[in-house]
Amino acid sequence: MRRGRWMGVIAGSAVLLLGACAAEAAKCGSTGANFETWKETFSAEAKNNGIKPRALAALMDTSYSAATIRADRGQHSFKLSLSAFMAKRGAPAIVARGRVLKRSNAALFASIERHYGVPPGPLLAIWGMETGFGNITGNQNTLSAVATLAYDCRRTEYFTEQLYAALALIDRGTLSASARGAMHGEVGHTQFLPKNVRLYGADGDGDGRIDLNSKADALASTANFLKGHGWVRGEGYQPGQTNFGAIQGWNAATVYQKAIAIMGKQIDG
């Protein structure tokens, strides 16, 4: 082998070794003690992976969120029975309000169903369940929440993907570094995590941008998510029916899935 080729191999190996060292150094933690050090290392790794200065600066501005960790450790309602879960979430009120919103936003829901094949019922059930129809979207800094969970040792890999997605959204102007939402980094009317914004975000109001704080964009994006998870136009969405699998893709909790199906059917009539 010629000397030039050997040098190329050595140089390439050095880059790989440095990348591996950086990745290894970005170690998770169970308290906020090493969060600032982790940010420095993760920022260098993200820069090598193509994240641009605006997003990197936003990352370095994040704070460890103890409130996010408390919320992550305190999810108990999904362990309730279906009836108890629906009572706790206010299912009758969601159905009643959903029926009103279905009528008052008939043109929007008709447009969404034409594009994605998803009827109003499950979209309204999700909207009502997630944020009370946009009334409670959260007040936690989104990037700090996602960065905290990427650093935390419980679900590091999952939230590292979410963090990279959030940084990419900041780079392209879809997400503001000051955006606020739920404790795990969900944003907007139907509480999309950053990766789902990248994959399924849709411009429902035709203004040329994706904003999950717009009800039209959020509902269109939710329909796009369900379509992307196998929704078939005209098929049923109750347990055992074709489209129930798409609802299962929205949330892993069985009681949540069944509640959406039940409320959606009641809203659709």
C-alpha atoms as a PDB file:
ATOM      1  CA  MET A   1       0.000   0.000   0.000  1.00  0.00           C
ATOM      2  CA  ARG A   2       1.302   3.443  -0.900  1.00  0.00           C
ATOM      3  CA  ARG A   3       2.232   5.908   1.856  1.00  0.00           C
ATOM      4  CA  GLY A   4      -0.615   8.305   0.883  1.00  0.00           C
ATOM      5  CA  ARG A   5      -3.221   5.591   1.349  1.00  0.00           C
ATOM      6  CA  TRP A   6      -1.741   4.634   4.716  1.00  0.00           C
ATOM      7  CA  MET A   7      -1.926   8.263   5.844  1.00  0.00           C
ATOM      8  CA  GLY A   8      -5.556   8.456   4.729  1.00  0.00           C
ATOM      9  CA  VAL A   9      -6.432   5.346   6.710  1.00  0.00           C
ATOM     10  CA  ILE A  10      -4.615   6.678   9.792  1.00  0.00           C
ATOM     11  CA  ALA A  11      -6.338  10.071   9.538  1.00  0.00           C
ATOM     12  CA  GLY A  12      -9.752   8.460   9.104  1.00  0.00           C
ATOM     13  CA  SER A  13      -9.135   6.192  12.065  1.00  0.00           C
ATOM     14  CA  ALA A  14      -8.159   9.173  14.193  1.00  0.00           C
ATOM     15  CA  VAL A  15     -11.427  10.947  13.372  1.00  0.00           C
ATOM     16  CA  LEU A  16     -13.420   7.840  14.288  1.00  0.00           C
ATOM     17  CA  LEU A  17     -11.470   7.478  17.526  1.00  0.00           C
ATOM     18  CA  LEU A  18     -12.070  11.098  18.486  1.00  0.00           C
ATOM     19  CA  GLY A  19     -15.779  10.725  17.744  1.00  0.00           C
ATOM     20  CA  ALA A  20     -15.952   7.585  19.847  1.00  0.00           C
ATOM     21  CA  CYS A  21     -14.155   9.318  22.726  1.00  0.00           C
ATOM     22  CA  ALA A  22     -16.521  12.279  22.567  1.00  0.00           C
ATOM     23  CA  ALA A  23     -19.563  10.001  22.558  1.00  0.00           C
ATOM     24  CA  GLU A  24     -18.167   8.005  25.474  1.00  0.00           C
ATOM     25  CA  ALA A  25     -17.425  11.176  27.435  1.00  0.00           C
ATOM     26  CA  ALA A  26     -21.042  12.404  27.130  1.00  0.00           C
ATOM     27  CA  LYS A  27     -22.095  10.256  30.067  1.00  0.00           C
ATOM     28  CA  CYS A  28     -25.578  10.277  31.532  1.00  0.00           C
ATOM     29  CA  GLY A  29     -26.296  11.305  35.116  1.00  0.00           C
ATOM     30  CA  SER A  30     -28.988  10.808  37.732  1.00  0.00           C
ATOM     31  CA  THR A  31     -28.640  14.311  39.219  1.00  0.00           C
ATOM     32  CA  GLY A  32     -27.909  17.707  37.744  1.00  0.00           C
ATOM     33  CA  ALA A  33     -24.371  17.775  39.111  1.00  0.00           C
ATOM     34  CA  ASN A  34     -22.621  17.060  35.808  1.00  0.00           C
ATOM     35  CA  PHE A  35     -25.166  18.569  33.417  1.00  0.00           C
ATOM     36  CA  GLU A  36     -22.980  21.518  32.403  1.00  0.00           C
ATOM     37  CA  THR A  37     -20.041  19.217  31.613  1.00  0.00           C
ATOM     38  CA  TRP A  38     -22.363  16.916  29.658  1.00  0.00           C
ATOM     39  CA  LYS A  39     -23.627  19.884  27.624  1.00  0.00           C
ATOM     40  CA  GLU A  40     -20.108  20.829  26.586  1.00  0.00           C
ATOM     41  CA  THR A  41     -19.356  17.309  25.411  1.00  0.00           C
ATOM     42  CA  PHE A  42     -22.723  16.799  23.724  1.00  0.00           C
ATOM     43  CA  SER A  43     -22.422  20.168  21.979  1.00  0.00           C
ATOM     44  CA  ALA A  44     -19.079  19.145  20.461  1.00  0.00           C
ATOM     45  CA  GLU A  45     -20.589  15.851  19.349  1.00  0.00           C
ATOM     46  CA  ALA A  46     -23.637  17.632  17.875  1.00  0.00           C
ATOM     47  CA  LYS A  47     -21.405  20.067  15.984  1.00  0.00           C
ATOM     48  CA  ASN A  48     -19.570  17.135  14.424  1.00  0.00           C
ATOM     49  CA  ASN A  49     -22.967  15.739  13.414  1.00  0.00           C
ATOM     50  CA  GLY A  50     -23.966  18.876  11.525  1.00  0.00           C
ATOM     51  CA  ILE A  51     -25.867  20.924  14.110  1.00  0.00           C
ATOM     52  CA  LYS A  52     -25.346  24.627  13.414  1.00  0.00           C
ATOM     53  CA  PRO A  53     -24.258  27.478  15.728  1.00  0.00           C
ATOM     54  CA  ARG A  54     -27.749  28.839  16.480  1.00  0.00           C
ATOM     55  CA  ALA A  55     -28.949  25.522  17.871  1.00  0.00           C
ATOM     56  CA  LEU A  56     -25.669  24.840  19.670  1.00  0.00           C
ATOM     57  CA  ALA A  57     -25.934  28.205  21.426  1.00  0.00           C
ATOM     58  CA  ALA A  58     -29.501  27.351  22.424  1.00  0.00           C
ATOM     59  CA  LEU A  59     -28.320  24.025  23.829  1.00  0.00           C
ATOM     60  CA  MET A  60     -25.631  25.695  25.905  1.00  0.00           C
ATOM     61  CA  ASP A  61     -28.301  28.034  27.308  1.00  0.00           C
ATOM     62  CA  THR A  62     -30.411  25.171  28.688  1.00  0.00           C
ATOM     63  CA  SER A  63     -30.828  24.418  32.381  1.00  0.00           C
ATOM     64  CA  TYR A  64     -31.208  21.109  34.165  1.00  0.00           C
ATOM     65  CA  SER A  65     -34.905  20.662  34.932  1.00  0.00           C
ATOM     66  CA  ALA A  66     -35.558  18.918  38.219  1.00  0.00           C
ATOM     67  CA  ALA A  67     -39.284  19.449  37.591  1.00  0.00           C
ATOM     68  CA  THR A  68     -39.030  17.395  34.390  1.00  0.00           C
ATOM     69  CA  ILE A  69     -37.326  14.564  36.264  1.00  0.00           C
ATOM     70  CA  ARG A  70     -40.003  14.627  38.965  1.00  0.00           C
ATOM     71  CA  ALA A  71     -42.711  14.467  36.312  1.00  0.00           C
ATOM     72  CA  ASP A  72     -40.921  11.624  34.541  1.00  0.00           C
ATOM     73  CA  ARG A  73     -40.759   9.595  37.740  1.00  0.00           C
ATOM     74  CA  GLY A  74     -44.335  10.369  38.774  1.00  0.00           C
ATOM     75  CA  GLN A  75     -46.516   9.046  35.950  1.00  0.00           C
ATOM     76  CA  HIS A  76     -49.125   6.973  37.785  1.00  0.00           C
ATOM     77  CA  SER A  77     -52.446   7.580  36.017  1.00  0.00           C
ATOM     78  CA  PHE A  78     -51.678   5.045  33.277  1.00  0.00           C
ATOM     79  CA  LYS A  79     -51.810   2.326  35.954  1.00  0.00           C
ATOM     80  CA  LEU A  80     -55.518   3.014  36.640  1.00  0.00           C
ATOM     81  CA  SER A  81     -58.396   0.914  35.332  1.00  0.00           C
ATOM     82  CA  LEU A  82     -59.992   2.165  32.102  1.00  0.00           C
ATOM     83  CA  SER A  83     -63.060   3.563  33.871  1.00  0.00           C
ATOM     84  CA  ALA A  84     -60.963   5.256  36.551  1.00  0.00           C
ATOM     85  CA  PHE A  85     -58.603   6.681  33.934  1.00  0.00           C
ATOM     86  CA  MET A  86     -61.472   8.106  31.872  1.00  0.00           C
ATOM     87  CA  ALA A  87     -63.070   9.601  34.976  1.00  0.00           C
ATOM     88  CA  LYS A  88     -59.768  11.170  36.034  1.00  0.00           C
ATOM     89  CA  ARG A  89     -59.257  12.655  32.565  1.00  0.00           C
ATOM     90  CA  GLY A  90     -62.833  14.009  32.377  1.00  0.00           C
ATOM     91  CA  ALA A  91     -64.030  11.939  29.434  1.00  0.00           C
ATOM     92  CA  PRO A  92     -67.665  13.165  29.455  1.00  0.00           C
ATOM     93  CA  ALA A  93     -66.518  16.784  29.291  1.00  0.00           C
ATOM     94  CA  ILE A  94     -64.066  15.985  26.480  1.00  0.00           C
ATOM     95  CA  VAL A  95     -66.822  14.298  24.470  1.00  0.00           C
ATOM     96  CA  ALA A  96     -69.295  17.136  25.026  1.00  0.00           C
ATOM     97  CA  ARG A  97     -66.774  19.831  24.106  1.00  0.00           C
ATOM     98  CA  GLY A  98     -65.502  17.725  21.219  1.00  0.00           C
ATOM     99  CA  ARG A  99     -68.940  17.577  19.646  1.00  0.00           C
ATOM    100  CA  VAL A 100     -69.237  21.368  19.839  1.00  0.00           C
ATOM    101  CA  LEU A 101     -65.801  21.884  18.281  1.00  0.00           C
ATOM    102  CA  LYS A 102     -66.554  19.349  15.560  1.00  0.00           C
ATOM    103  CA  ARG A 103     -69.498  21.492  14.451  1.00  0.00           C
ATOM    104  CA  SER A 104     -67.766  24.852  14.803  1.00  0.00           C
ATOM    105  CA  ASN A 105     -64.657  23.662  12.911  1.00  0.00           C
ATOM    106  CA  ALA A 106     -66.481  21.560  10.318  1.00  0.00           C
ATOM    107  CA  ALA A 107     -64.549  22.967   7.342  1.00  0.00           C
ATOM    108  CA  LEU A 108     -61.179  22.296   8.988  1.00  0.00           C
ATOM    109  CA  PHE A 109     -62.059  18.705   9.898  1.00  0.00           C
ATOM    110  CA  ALA A 110     -63.499  18.062   6.433  1.00  0.00           C
ATOM    111  CA  SER A 111     -60.253  19.283   4.865  1.00  0.00           C
ATOM    112  CA  ILE A 112     -58.158  17.104   7.182  1.00  0.00           C
ATOM    113  CA  GLU A 113     -60.273  14.037   6.455  1.00  0.00           C
ATOM    114  CA  ARG A 114     -59.956  14.632   2.701  1.00  0.00           C
ATOM    115  CA  HIS A 115     -56.168  14.830   2.966  1.00  0.00           C
ATOM    116  CA  TYR A 116     -55.444  12.124   5.531  1.00  0.00           C
ATOM    117  CA  GLY A 117     -58.543   9.951   5.787  1.00  0.00           C
ATOM    118  CA  VAL A 118     -58.861  10.511   9.540  1.00  0.00           C
ATOM    119  CA  PRO A 119     -62.331  11.510  10.866  1.00  0.00           C
ATOM    120  CA  PRO A 120     -62.786  14.204  13.533  1.00  0.00           C
ATOM    121  CA  GLY A 121     -63.544  11.919  16.505  1.00  0.00           C
ATOM    122  CA  PRO A 122     -60.106  10.519  17.348  1.00  0.00           C
ATOM    123  CA  LEU A 123     -58.424  13.860  16.592  1.00  0.00           C
ATOM    124  CA  LEU A 124     -60.765  15.677  18.963  1.00  0.00           C
ATOM    125  CA  ALA A 125     -60.330  12.978  21.613  1.00  0.00           C
ATOM    126  CA  ILE A 126     -56.537  13.331  21.406  1.00  0.00           C
ATOM    127  CA  TRP A 127     -56.757  17.134  21.408  1.00  0.00           C
ATOM    128  CA  GLY A 128     -59.014  17.111  24.456  1.00  0.00           C
ATOM    129  CA  MET A 129     -56.962  14.503  26.298  1.00  0.00           C
ATOM    130  CA  GLU A 130     -53.594  16.119  25.637  1.00  0.00           C
ATOM    131  CA  THR A 131     -54.256  19.796  26.356  1.00  0.00           C
ATOM    132  CA  GLY A 132     -57.948  20.341  27.084  1.00  0.00           C
ATOM    133  CA  PHE A 133     -58.337  21.577  23.485  1.00  0.00           C
ATOM    134  CA  GLY A 134     -55.307  23.849  23.662  1.00  0.00           C
ATOM    135  CA  ASN A 135     -56.010  25.354  27.073  1.00  0.00           C
ATOM    136  CA  ILE A 136     -53.107  23.673  28.913  1.00  0.00           C
ATOM    137  CA  THR A 137     -50.036  23.266  26.724  1.00  0.00           C
ATOM    138  CA  GLY A 138     -47.417  23.563  29.466  1.00  0.00           C
ATOM    139  CA  ASN A 139     -44.902  26.157  30.603  1.00  0.00           C
ATOM    140  CA  GLN A 140     -41.617  24.201  30.678  1.00  0.00           C
ATOM    141  CA  ASN A 141     -38.796  25.291  28.378  1.00  0.00           C
ATOM    142  CA  THR A 142     -38.894  22.645  25.678  1.00  0.00           C
ATOM    143  CA  LEU A 143     -35.185  22.426  24.918  1.00  0.00           C
ATOM    144  CA  SER A 144     -34.222  22.292  28.614  1.00  0.00           C
ATOM    145  CA  ALA A 145     -36.733  19.482  29.185  1.00  0.00           C
ATOM    146  CA  VAL A 146     -35.467  17.403  26.266  1.00  0.00           C
ATOM    147  CA  ALA A 147     -31.801  18.058  27.099  1.00  0.00           C
ATOM    148  CA  THR A 148     -32.413  17.045  30.716  1.00  0.00           C
ATOM    149  CA  LEU A 149     -33.985  13.764  29.642  1.00  0.00           C
ATOM    150  CA  ALA A 150     -31.225  13.089  27.109  1.00  0.00           C
ATOM    151  CA  TYR A 151     -28.710  13.540  29.929  1.00  0.00           C
ATOM    152  CA  ASP A 152     -30.739  11.484  32.428  1.00  0.00           C
ATOM    153  CA  CYS A 153     -29.810   7.801  32.560  1.00  0.00           C
ATOM    154  CA  ARG A 154     -33.357   6.355  32.388  1.00  0.00           C
ATOM    155  CA  ARG A 155     -34.100   6.844  28.675  1.00  0.00           C
ATOM    156  CA  THR A 156     -30.933   8.397  27.304  1.00  0.00           C
ATOM    157  CA  GLU A 157     -31.053   6.920  23.804  1.00  0.00           C
ATOM    158  CA  TYR A 158     -34.706   7.798  23.200  1.00  0.00           C
ATOM    159  CA  PHE A 159     -34.337  11.397  24.313  1.00  0.00           C
ATOM    160  CA  THR A 160     -31.004  11.866  22.558  1.00  0.00           C
ATOM    161  CA  GLU A 161     -32.951  11.325  19.330  1.00  0.00           C
ATOM    162  CA  GLN A 162     -35.507  13.869  20.516  1.00  0.00           C
ATOM    163  CA  LEU A 163     -32.749  16.346  21.365  1.00  0.00           C
ATOM    164  CA  TYR A 164     -31.151  16.051  17.945  1.00  0.00           C
ATOM    165  CA  ALA A 165     -34.578  16.588  16.388  1.00  0.00           C
ATOM    166  CA  ALA A 166     -35.186  19.670  18.555  1.00  0.00           C
ATOM    167  CA  LEU A 167     -31.804  21.125  17.604  1.00  0.00           C
ATOM    168  CA  ALA A 168     -32.514  20.529  13.906  1.00  0.00           C
ATOM    169  CA  LEU A 169     -35.903  22.256  14.260  1.00  0.00           C
ATOM    170  CA  ILE A 170     -34.219  25.246  15.902  1.00  0.00           C
ATOM    171  CA  ASP A 171     -31.662  25.359  13.090  1.00  0.00           C
ATOM    172  CA  ARG A 172     -34.382  25.586  10.459  1.00  0.00           C
ATOM    173  CA  GLY A 173     -36.585  27.998  12.420  1.00  0.00           C
ATOM    174  CA  THR A 174     -39.497  25.656  13.081  1.00  0.00           C
ATOM    175  CA  LEU A 175     -38.909  25.648  16.843  1.00  0.00           C
ATOM    176  CA  SER A 176     -37.841  28.620  18.932  1.00  0.00           C
ATOM    177  CA  ALA A 177     -35.150  28.179  21.558  1.00  0.00           C
ATOM    178  CA  SER A 178     -37.591  29.837  23.974  1.00  0.00           C
ATOM    179  CA  ALA A 179     -40.501  27.495  23.099  1.00  0.00           C
ATOM    180  CA  ARG A 180     -42.444  26.223  26.093  1.00  0.00           C
ATOM    181  CA  GLY A 181     -44.536  23.115  26.478  1.00  0.00           C
ATOM    182  CA  ALA A 182     -45.052  20.030  28.607  1.00  0.00           C
ATOM    183  CA  MET A 183     -42.592  18.493  31.034  1.00  0.00           C
ATOM    184  CA  HIS A 184     -41.149  15.944  28.599  1.00  0.00           C
ATOM    185  CA  GLY A 185     -40.641  18.433  25.776  1.00  0.00           C
ATOM    186  CA  GLU A 186     -43.987  18.001  24.037  1.00  0.00           C
ATOM    187  CA  VAL A 187     -45.284  21.100  22.250  1.00  0.00           C
ATOM    188  CA  GLY A 188     -48.518  22.495  20.924  1.00  0.00           C
ATOM    189  CA  HIS A 189     -52.211  21.611  20.963  1.00  0.00           C
ATOM    190  CA  THR A 190     -51.647  17.870  20.679  1.00  0.00           C
ATOM    191  CA  GLN A 191     -48.268  17.647  22.394  1.00  0.00           C
ATOM    192  CA  PHE A 192     -45.806  16.542  19.730  1.00  0.00           C
ATOM    193  CA  LEU A 193     -42.288  15.550  20.704  1.00  0.00           C
ATOM    194  CA  PRO A 194     -39.605  17.135  18.474  1.00  0.00           C
ATOM    195  CA  LYS A 195     -38.906  14.008  16.425  1.00  0.00           C
ATOM    196  CA  ASN A 196     -42.585  13.720  15.530  1.00  0.00           C
ATOM    197  CA  VAL A 197     -42.657  17.386  14.524  1.00  0.00           C
ATOM    198  CA  ARG A 198     -39.856  16.612  12.065  1.00  0.00           C
ATOM    199  CA  LEU A 199     -41.517  13.460  10.745  1.00  0.00           C
ATOM    200  CA  TYR A 200     -45.191  14.399  10.689  1.00  0.00           C
ATOM    201  CA  GLY A 201     -45.483  18.172  11.116  1.00  0.00           C
ATOM    202  CA  ALA A 202     -48.023  19.555   8.624  1.00  0.00           C
ATOM    203  CA  ASP A 203     -49.134  23.013   7.537  1.00  0.00           C
ATOM    204  CA  GLY A 204     -52.852  22.773   8.220  1.00  0.00           C
ATOM    205  CA  ASP A 205     -53.692  26.451   7.811  1.00  0.00           C
ATOM    206  CA  GLY A 206     -51.716  27.013   4.604  1.00  0.00           C
ATOM    207  CA  ASP A 207     -49.505  29.829   5.911  1.00  0.00           C
ATOM    208  CA  GLY A 208     -46.322  28.174   4.683  1.00  0.00           C
ATOM    209  CA  ARG A 209     -44.933  27.121   8.053  1.00  0.00           C
ATOM    210  CA  ILE A 210     -45.496  24.477  10.727  1.00  0.00           C
ATOM    211  CA  ASP A 211     -46.578  25.753  14.116  1.00  0.00           C
ATOM    212  CA  LEU A 212     -48.005  23.229  16.563  1.00  0.00           C
ATOM    213  CA  ASN A 213     -49.502  26.114  18.568  1.00  0.00           C
ATOM    214  CA  SER A 214     -51.853  26.605  15.623  1.00  0.00           C
ATOM    215  CA  LYS A 215     -54.834  24.287  16.048  1.00  0.00           C
ATOM    216  CA  ALA A 216     -55.037  23.679  12.287  1.00  0.00           C
ATOM    217  CA  ASP A 217     -51.357  22.685  12.071  1.00  0.00           C
ATOM    218  CA  ALA A 218     -51.584  20.564  15.223  1.00  0.00           C
ATOM    219  CA  LEU A 219     -54.674  18.659  14.085  1.00  0.00           C
ATOM    220  CA  ALA A 220     -53.333  18.148  10.556  1.00  0.00           C
ATOM    221  CA  SER A 221     -50.042  16.940  12.028  1.00  0.00           C
ATOM    222  CA  THR A 222     -51.887  14.522  14.308  1.00  0.00           C
ATOM    223  CA  ALA A 223     -53.837  13.139  11.355  1.00  0.00           C
ATOM    224  CA  ASN A 224     -50.570  12.827   9.426  1.00  0.00           C
ATOM    225  CA  PHE A 225     -49.049  10.931  12.366  1.00  0.00           C
ATOM    226  CA  LEU A 226     -51.972   8.488  12.420  1.00  0.00           C
ATOM    227  CA  LYS A 227     -51.776   8.029   8.645  1.00  0.00           C
ATOM    228  CA  GLY A 228     -48.041   7.429   8.989  1.00  0.00           C
ATOM    229  CA  HIS A 229     -48.801   4.700  11.525  1.00  0.00           C
ATOM    230  CA  GLY A 230     -51.073   2.784   9.199  1.00  0.00           C
ATOM    231  CA  TRP A 231     -54.419   4.592   9.302  1.00  0.00           C
ATOM    232  CA  VAL A 232     -56.692   3.359   6.490  1.00  0.00           C
ATOM    233  CA  ARG A 233     -59.446   5.647   5.230  1.00  0.00           C
ATOM    234  CA  GLY A 234     -62.946   4.416   6.057  1.00  0.00           C
ATOM    235  CA  GLU A 235     -61.880   1.621   8.418  1.00  0.00           C
ATOM    236  CA  GLY A 236     -62.848   1.392  12.100  1.00  0.00           C
ATOM    237  CA  TYR A 237     -60.616   2.428  14.978  1.00  0.00           C
ATOM    238  CA  GLN A 238     -61.941   0.443  17.930  1.00  0.00           C
ATOM    239  CA  PRO A 239     -59.830  -2.318  19.554  1.00  0.00           C
ATOM    240  CA  GLY A 240     -59.451  -5.157  17.067  1.00  0.00           C
ATOM    241  CA  GLN A 241     -60.231  -2.931  14.075  1.00  0.00           C
ATOM    242  CA  THR A 242     -57.788  -1.820  11.383  1.00  0.00           C
ATOM    243  CA  ASN A 243     -57.000   1.654  12.652  1.00  0.00           C
ATOM    244  CA  PHE A 244     -56.618   0.886  16.331  1.00  0.00           C
ATOM    245  CA  GLY A 245     -52.950   0.118  15.648  1.00  0.00           C
ATOM    246  CA  ALA A 246     -52.432   3.735  14.571  1.00  0.00           C
ATOM    247  CA  ILE A 247     -53.890   4.927  17.881  1.00  0.00           C
ATOM    248  CA  GLN A 248     -51.545   2.532  19.672  1.00  0.00           C
ATOM    249  CA  GLY A 249     -48.693   4.320  17.902  1.00  0.00           C
ATOM    250  CA  TRP A 250     -49.740   7.590  19.508  1.00  0.00           C
ATOM    251  CA  ASN A 251     -49.408   6.402  23.100  1.00  0.00           C
ATOM    252  CA  ALA A 252     -48.093   3.149  24.573  1.00  0.00           C
ATOM    253  CA  ALA A 253     -50.556   3.019  27.490  1.00  0.00           C
ATOM    254  CA  THR A 254     -53.461   0.619  26.902  1.00  0.00           C
ATOM    255  CA  VAL A 255     -55.913   2.696  28.942  1.00  0.00           C
ATOM    256  CA  TYR A 256     -55.038   5.792  26.916  1.00  0.00           C
ATOM    257  CA  GLN A 257     -55.498   3.954  23.614  1.00  0.00           C
ATOM    258  CA  LYS A 258     -58.894   2.576  24.591  1.00  0.00           C
ATOM    259  CA  ALA A 259     -60.032   5.924  25.989  1.00  0.00           C
ATOM    260  CA  ILE A 260     -59.221   7.660  22.687  1.00  0.00           C
ATOM    261  CA  ALA A 261     -61.131   5.016  20.740  1.00  0.00           C
ATOM    262  CA  ILE A 262     -64.172   5.227  23.010  1.00  0.00           C
ATOM    263  CA  MET A 263     -64.318   9.032  23.130  1.00  0.00           C
ATOM    264  CA  GLY A 264     -63.616   9.316  19.406  1.00  0.00           C
ATOM    265  CA  LYS A 265     -66.552   7.071  18.594  1.00  0.00           C
ATOM    266  CA  GLN A 266     -68.848   9.030  20.917  1.00  0.00           C
ATOM    267  CA  ILE A 267     -67.802  12.301  19.282  1.00  0.00           C
ATOM    268  CA  ASP A 268     -68.182  10.907  15.761  1.00  0.00           C
ATOM    269  CA  GLY A 269     -71.569   9.485  16.691  1.00  0.00           C
END
